[in-house]
N, C-alpha and C. Protein backbone atom coordinates (compact mmCIF):
# COMPACT_ATOMS: atom_id res chain seq x y z
N MET A 1 20.09 1.72 -1.24
CA MET A 1 18.66 1.87 -1.07
C MET A 1 17.99 0.51 -1.25
N LYS A 2 17.02 0.21 -0.41
CA LYS A 2 16.30 -1.05 -0.49
C LYS A 2 15.44 -1.12 -1.74
N GLU A 3 15.36 -2.34 -2.30
CA GLU A 3 14.47 -2.55 -3.43
C GLU A 3 13.04 -2.62 -2.91
N ARG A 4 12.16 -1.90 -3.54
CA ARG A 4 10.77 -1.86 -3.08
C ARG A 4 9.97 -2.96 -3.78
N LYS A 5 9.22 -3.71 -2.99
CA LYS A 5 8.35 -4.75 -3.54
C LYS A 5 7.03 -4.10 -3.93
N ASP A 6 6.46 -4.59 -5.03
CA ASP A 6 5.20 -4.03 -5.53
C ASP A 6 4.10 -4.03 -4.48
N ILE A 7 3.99 -5.13 -3.72
CA ILE A 7 2.93 -5.21 -2.70
C ILE A 7 3.14 -4.17 -1.62
N ASN A 8 4.39 -3.92 -1.23
CA ASN A 8 4.65 -2.91 -0.21
C ASN A 8 4.32 -1.51 -0.71
N VAL A 9 4.62 -1.25 -1.98
CA VAL A 9 4.31 0.06 -2.57
C VAL A 9 2.80 0.25 -2.62
N LEU A 10 2.08 -0.79 -3.05
CA LEU A 10 0.62 -0.70 -3.14
C LEU A 10 -0.01 -0.49 -1.77
N VAL A 11 0.36 -1.31 -0.81
CA VAL A 11 -0.22 -1.20 0.54
C VAL A 11 0.15 0.14 1.16
N GLY A 12 1.39 0.55 1.00
CA GLY A 12 1.82 1.83 1.55
C GLY A 12 1.05 3.00 0.99
N ALA A 13 0.85 3.00 -0.33
CA ALA A 13 0.08 4.08 -0.97
C ALA A 13 -1.36 4.07 -0.49
N ASN A 14 -1.92 2.89 -0.31
CA ASN A 14 -3.30 2.79 0.16
C ASN A 14 -3.43 3.25 1.60
N ILE A 15 -2.45 2.93 2.43
CA ILE A 15 -2.45 3.42 3.81
C ILE A 15 -2.40 4.94 3.83
N LYS A 16 -1.51 5.51 3.03
CA LYS A 16 -1.39 6.97 2.98
C LYS A 16 -2.70 7.60 2.53
N ARG A 17 -3.30 7.04 1.47
CA ARG A 17 -4.56 7.59 0.96
C ARG A 17 -5.64 7.57 2.04
N GLU A 18 -5.76 6.45 2.75
CA GLU A 18 -6.80 6.33 3.77
C GLU A 18 -6.50 7.21 4.98
N ARG A 19 -5.24 7.32 5.35
CA ARG A 19 -4.85 8.19 6.48
C ARG A 19 -5.21 9.63 6.16
N GLU A 20 -4.88 10.06 4.95
CA GLU A 20 -5.18 11.43 4.54
C GLU A 20 -6.69 11.66 4.41
N ARG A 21 -7.40 10.62 3.97
CA ARG A 21 -8.86 10.74 3.82
C ARG A 21 -9.52 11.09 5.15
N VAL A 22 -9.03 10.51 6.25
CA VAL A 22 -9.62 10.81 7.56
C VAL A 22 -8.97 12.02 8.23
N GLY A 23 -7.92 12.56 7.62
CA GLY A 23 -7.34 13.80 8.12
C GLY A 23 -6.26 13.67 9.18
N TYR A 24 -5.64 12.49 9.30
CA TYR A 24 -4.56 12.32 10.28
C TYR A 24 -3.22 12.70 9.67
N THR A 25 -2.40 13.38 10.45
CA THR A 25 -1.02 13.60 10.04
C THR A 25 -0.24 12.31 10.26
N GLN A 26 0.93 12.21 9.65
CA GLN A 26 1.77 11.04 9.90
C GLN A 26 2.12 10.94 11.38
N GLU A 27 2.41 12.06 12.00
CA GLU A 27 2.79 12.07 13.41
C GLU A 27 1.66 11.53 14.29
N ARG A 28 0.46 12.04 14.07
CA ARG A 28 -0.69 11.63 14.88
C ARG A 28 -1.04 10.16 14.63
N PHE A 29 -1.07 9.77 13.37
CA PHE A 29 -1.45 8.40 13.04
C PHE A 29 -0.41 7.40 13.55
N SER A 30 0.86 7.72 13.40
CA SER A 30 1.90 6.79 13.88
C SER A 30 1.79 6.61 15.39
N GLU A 31 1.46 7.67 16.10
CA GLU A 31 1.26 7.58 17.55
C GLU A 31 0.07 6.67 17.87
N MET A 32 -0.99 6.80 17.10
CA MET A 32 -2.20 6.01 17.34
C MET A 32 -1.98 4.51 17.11
N ILE A 33 -1.09 4.17 16.17
CA ILE A 33 -0.87 2.75 15.87
C ILE A 33 0.40 2.21 16.54
N GLY A 34 1.08 3.06 17.28
CA GLY A 34 2.19 2.59 18.10
C GLY A 34 3.52 2.40 17.39
N ILE A 35 3.76 3.21 16.35
CA ILE A 35 5.07 3.18 15.68
C ILE A 35 5.57 4.61 15.54
N GLY A 36 6.82 4.77 15.16
CA GLY A 36 7.38 6.10 14.97
C GLY A 36 7.00 6.68 13.61
N PRO A 37 7.02 8.02 13.51
CA PRO A 37 6.69 8.67 12.23
C PRO A 37 7.61 8.25 11.08
N LYS A 38 8.88 7.99 11.38
CA LYS A 38 9.80 7.56 10.33
C LYS A 38 9.43 6.17 9.82
N SER A 39 8.98 5.32 10.72
CA SER A 39 8.54 3.98 10.31
C SER A 39 7.30 4.07 9.43
N LEU A 40 6.36 4.92 9.82
CA LEU A 40 5.15 5.09 9.02
C LEU A 40 5.51 5.66 7.65
N SER A 41 6.41 6.60 7.60
CA SER A 41 6.84 7.17 6.33
C SER A 41 7.43 6.09 5.43
N ALA A 42 8.25 5.22 5.99
CA ALA A 42 8.85 4.13 5.21
C ALA A 42 7.78 3.17 4.70
N ILE A 43 6.79 2.90 5.52
CA ILE A 43 5.68 2.02 5.10
C ILE A 43 4.91 2.67 3.96
N GLU A 44 4.58 3.94 4.10
CA GLU A 44 3.79 4.63 3.08
C GLU A 44 4.55 4.77 1.76
N ARG A 45 5.86 4.83 1.83
CA ARG A 45 6.68 4.89 0.61
C ARG A 45 6.91 3.51 0.01
N GLY A 46 6.60 2.47 0.77
CA GLY A 46 6.75 1.11 0.26
C GLY A 46 8.14 0.54 0.41
N THR A 47 8.98 1.20 1.20
CA THR A 47 10.34 0.67 1.38
C THR A 47 10.38 -0.46 2.40
N VAL A 48 9.35 -0.56 3.23
CA VAL A 48 9.21 -1.68 4.16
C VAL A 48 7.75 -2.13 4.14
N GLY A 49 7.54 -3.37 4.54
CA GLY A 49 6.19 -3.91 4.60
C GLY A 49 5.62 -3.78 6.00
N VAL A 50 4.40 -4.24 6.16
CA VAL A 50 3.74 -4.22 7.47
C VAL A 50 3.48 -5.64 7.93
N SER A 51 3.56 -5.83 9.23
CA SER A 51 3.21 -7.13 9.81
C SER A 51 1.69 -7.25 9.86
N LEU A 52 1.22 -8.46 10.04
CA LEU A 52 -0.23 -8.65 10.16
C LEU A 52 -0.78 -7.94 11.39
N THR A 53 -0.01 -7.94 12.46
CA THR A 53 -0.43 -7.25 13.69
C THR A 53 -0.60 -5.76 13.43
N LEU A 54 0.36 -5.16 12.75
CA LEU A 54 0.27 -3.73 12.45
C LEU A 54 -0.84 -3.46 11.44
N LEU A 55 -1.01 -4.34 10.47
CA LEU A 55 -2.09 -4.18 9.50
C LEU A 55 -3.44 -4.15 10.21
N LEU A 56 -3.62 -5.02 11.19
CA LEU A 56 -4.86 -5.05 11.96
C LEU A 56 -5.06 -3.75 12.73
N LYS A 57 -4.00 -3.23 13.36
CA LYS A 57 -4.09 -1.95 14.08
C LYS A 57 -4.47 -0.82 13.14
N ILE A 58 -3.86 -0.81 11.96
CA ILE A 58 -4.14 0.24 10.98
C ILE A 58 -5.60 0.17 10.55
N CYS A 59 -6.07 -1.02 10.23
CA CYS A 59 -7.46 -1.18 9.79
C CYS A 59 -8.44 -0.78 10.88
N ASN A 60 -8.17 -1.20 12.11
CA ASN A 60 -9.05 -0.83 13.22
C ASN A 60 -9.05 0.67 13.47
N THR A 61 -7.89 1.29 13.41
CA THR A 61 -7.78 2.73 13.67
C THR A 61 -8.48 3.54 12.58
N LEU A 62 -8.38 3.08 11.34
CA LEU A 62 -9.00 3.80 10.22
C LEU A 62 -10.44 3.34 9.95
N SER A 63 -10.88 2.31 10.68
CA SER A 63 -12.22 1.73 10.49
C SER A 63 -12.45 1.30 9.04
N ILE A 64 -11.50 0.53 8.52
CA ILE A 64 -11.59 0.02 7.16
C ILE A 64 -11.27 -1.47 7.15
N SER A 65 -11.61 -2.14 6.06
CA SER A 65 -11.26 -3.55 5.93
C SER A 65 -9.86 -3.67 5.36
N SER A 66 -9.27 -4.82 5.55
CA SER A 66 -7.93 -5.05 4.99
C SER A 66 -7.96 -5.04 3.47
N ASN A 67 -9.09 -5.38 2.86
CA ASN A 67 -9.20 -5.34 1.40
C ASN A 67 -8.91 -3.95 0.86
N THR A 68 -9.31 -2.94 1.60
CA THR A 68 -9.08 -1.55 1.18
C THR A 68 -7.59 -1.28 1.03
N LEU A 69 -6.78 -1.92 1.86
CA LEU A 69 -5.34 -1.69 1.83
C LEU A 69 -4.58 -2.68 0.95
N LEU A 70 -5.08 -3.89 0.85
CA LEU A 70 -4.34 -4.94 0.16
C LEU A 70 -4.55 -4.99 -1.34
N PHE A 71 -5.64 -4.42 -1.81
CA PHE A 71 -5.94 -4.52 -3.23
C PHE A 71 -5.93 -3.15 -3.86
N ALA A 72 -5.62 -3.13 -5.13
CA ALA A 72 -5.55 -1.87 -5.86
C ALA A 72 -6.89 -1.14 -5.79
N ASP A 73 -6.81 0.14 -5.85
CA ASP A 73 -8.01 0.98 -5.83
C ASP A 73 -8.68 0.89 -7.19
N THR A 74 -9.61 -0.02 -7.31
CA THR A 74 -10.28 -0.22 -8.58
C THR A 74 -11.73 0.23 -8.46
N ALA A 75 -12.26 0.65 -9.57
CA ALA A 75 -13.67 1.05 -9.59
C ALA A 75 -14.52 -0.20 -9.36
N LYS A 76 -15.56 -0.03 -8.59
CA LYS A 76 -16.45 -1.15 -8.31
C LYS A 76 -17.50 -1.25 -9.40
N ASN A 77 -17.82 -2.50 -9.73
CA ASN A 77 -18.87 -2.74 -10.71
C ASN A 77 -20.23 -2.50 -10.06
N ASN A 78 -21.16 -2.01 -10.86
CA ASN A 78 -22.51 -1.82 -10.36
C ASN A 78 -23.23 -3.16 -10.49
N VAL A 79 -23.44 -3.83 -9.37
CA VAL A 79 -24.05 -5.16 -9.37
C VAL A 79 -25.52 -5.13 -8.98
N GLN A 80 -26.05 -3.95 -8.77
CA GLN A 80 -27.44 -3.84 -8.31
C GLN A 80 -28.42 -4.51 -9.26
N ASP A 81 -28.26 -4.29 -10.58
CA ASP A 81 -29.18 -4.87 -11.56
C ASP A 81 -29.13 -6.40 -11.49
N ILE A 82 -27.94 -6.96 -11.46
CA ILE A 82 -27.81 -8.42 -11.39
C ILE A 82 -28.39 -8.95 -10.08
N THR A 83 -28.13 -8.25 -9.00
CA THR A 83 -28.65 -8.66 -7.70
C THR A 83 -30.18 -8.71 -7.72
N GLU A 84 -30.78 -7.66 -8.24
CA GLU A 84 -32.24 -7.61 -8.29
C GLU A 84 -32.82 -8.72 -9.15
N ARG A 85 -32.17 -9.01 -10.27
CA ARG A 85 -32.66 -10.08 -11.15
C ARG A 85 -32.51 -11.44 -10.47
N LEU A 86 -31.40 -11.65 -9.77
CA LEU A 86 -31.21 -12.92 -9.07
C LEU A 86 -32.21 -13.10 -7.94
N GLU A 87 -32.54 -12.01 -7.26
CA GLU A 87 -33.51 -12.08 -6.16
C GLU A 87 -34.90 -12.50 -6.63
N ARG A 88 -35.23 -12.20 -7.86
CA ARG A 88 -36.56 -12.53 -8.39
C ARG A 88 -36.68 -13.96 -8.92
N LEU A 89 -35.58 -14.65 -9.01
CA LEU A 89 -35.62 -16.03 -9.53
C LEU A 89 -36.24 -16.99 -8.52
N PRO A 90 -36.95 -18.00 -9.02
CA PRO A 90 -37.41 -19.07 -8.13
C PRO A 90 -36.19 -19.81 -7.58
N PRO A 91 -36.30 -20.45 -6.42
CA PRO A 91 -35.14 -21.09 -5.78
C PRO A 91 -34.36 -22.04 -6.69
N GLU A 92 -35.04 -22.86 -7.48
CA GLU A 92 -34.32 -23.83 -8.32
C GLU A 92 -33.53 -23.13 -9.43
N GLN A 93 -34.07 -22.05 -9.99
CA GLN A 93 -33.33 -21.29 -10.99
C GLN A 93 -32.19 -20.50 -10.35
N PHE A 94 -32.41 -19.99 -9.15
CA PHE A 94 -31.34 -19.29 -8.44
C PHE A 94 -30.15 -20.21 -8.22
N GLU A 95 -30.40 -21.45 -7.83
CA GLU A 95 -29.31 -22.40 -7.59
C GLU A 95 -28.50 -22.65 -8.86
N ILE A 96 -29.19 -22.75 -10.00
CA ILE A 96 -28.49 -22.94 -11.28
C ILE A 96 -27.63 -21.72 -11.59
N ALA A 97 -28.22 -20.52 -11.45
CA ALA A 97 -27.47 -19.28 -11.71
C ALA A 97 -26.28 -19.16 -10.76
N HIS A 98 -26.48 -19.52 -9.51
CA HIS A 98 -25.42 -19.47 -8.51
C HIS A 98 -24.27 -20.38 -8.91
N ASP A 99 -24.58 -21.61 -9.29
CA ASP A 99 -23.55 -22.56 -9.71
C ASP A 99 -22.78 -22.05 -10.93
N ILE A 100 -23.50 -21.50 -11.90
CA ILE A 100 -22.85 -20.99 -13.11
C ILE A 100 -21.92 -19.82 -12.76
N LEU A 101 -22.41 -18.88 -11.95
CA LEU A 101 -21.57 -17.73 -11.56
C LEU A 101 -20.33 -18.17 -10.80
N CYS A 102 -20.49 -19.14 -9.91
CA CYS A 102 -19.33 -19.63 -9.15
C CYS A 102 -18.29 -20.24 -10.09
N LYS A 103 -18.73 -21.03 -11.04
CA LYS A 103 -17.81 -21.65 -12.02
C LYS A 103 -17.15 -20.59 -12.88
N LEU A 104 -17.90 -19.59 -13.29
CA LEU A 104 -17.36 -18.51 -14.11
C LEU A 104 -16.29 -17.73 -13.35
N LEU A 105 -16.57 -17.38 -12.11
CA LEU A 105 -15.60 -16.64 -11.30
C LEU A 105 -14.36 -17.49 -11.02
N GLU A 106 -14.55 -18.78 -10.84
CA GLU A 106 -13.42 -19.69 -10.64
C GLU A 106 -12.54 -19.71 -11.90
N ALA A 107 -13.16 -19.75 -13.07
CA ALA A 107 -12.42 -19.74 -14.33
C ALA A 107 -11.65 -18.43 -14.48
N PHE A 108 -12.27 -17.31 -14.13
CA PHE A 108 -11.58 -16.02 -14.20
C PHE A 108 -10.36 -16.00 -13.28
N ALA A 109 -10.50 -16.59 -12.10
CA ALA A 109 -9.39 -16.61 -11.14
C ALA A 109 -8.23 -17.45 -11.66
N LEU A 110 -8.52 -18.49 -12.39
CA LEU A 110 -7.47 -19.34 -12.95
C LEU A 110 -6.68 -18.65 -14.05
N GLU A 111 -7.28 -17.66 -14.71
CA GLU A 111 -6.62 -16.93 -15.79
C GLU A 111 -5.50 -16.04 -15.30
N LYS A 112 -5.52 -15.66 -14.03
CA LYS A 112 -4.53 -14.70 -13.51
C LYS A 112 -3.20 -15.31 -13.32
């Protein structure tokens, strides 16, 4: 049995979740994206990965972004309050806040 890579398992599970969300069977969806049902099953189980070409077909067929498939299903933060507060800032204060947020997010990315 092939060793499953974490990224393939994650993407496969996300593809399955999104396929089921729109109500497609494996047979119907595999036909729509131009692969066999067994290939789709292997992708959804994470035993094989997807090419960029196939990823694009999947995203277009399901009308979703690649982020939906490539990243873990995480709860989204409610940013409305911060957005509204930033919108009310004068331009010079907004630029300062923007610079600080960019540096903060960059620091968070380095921690990973």
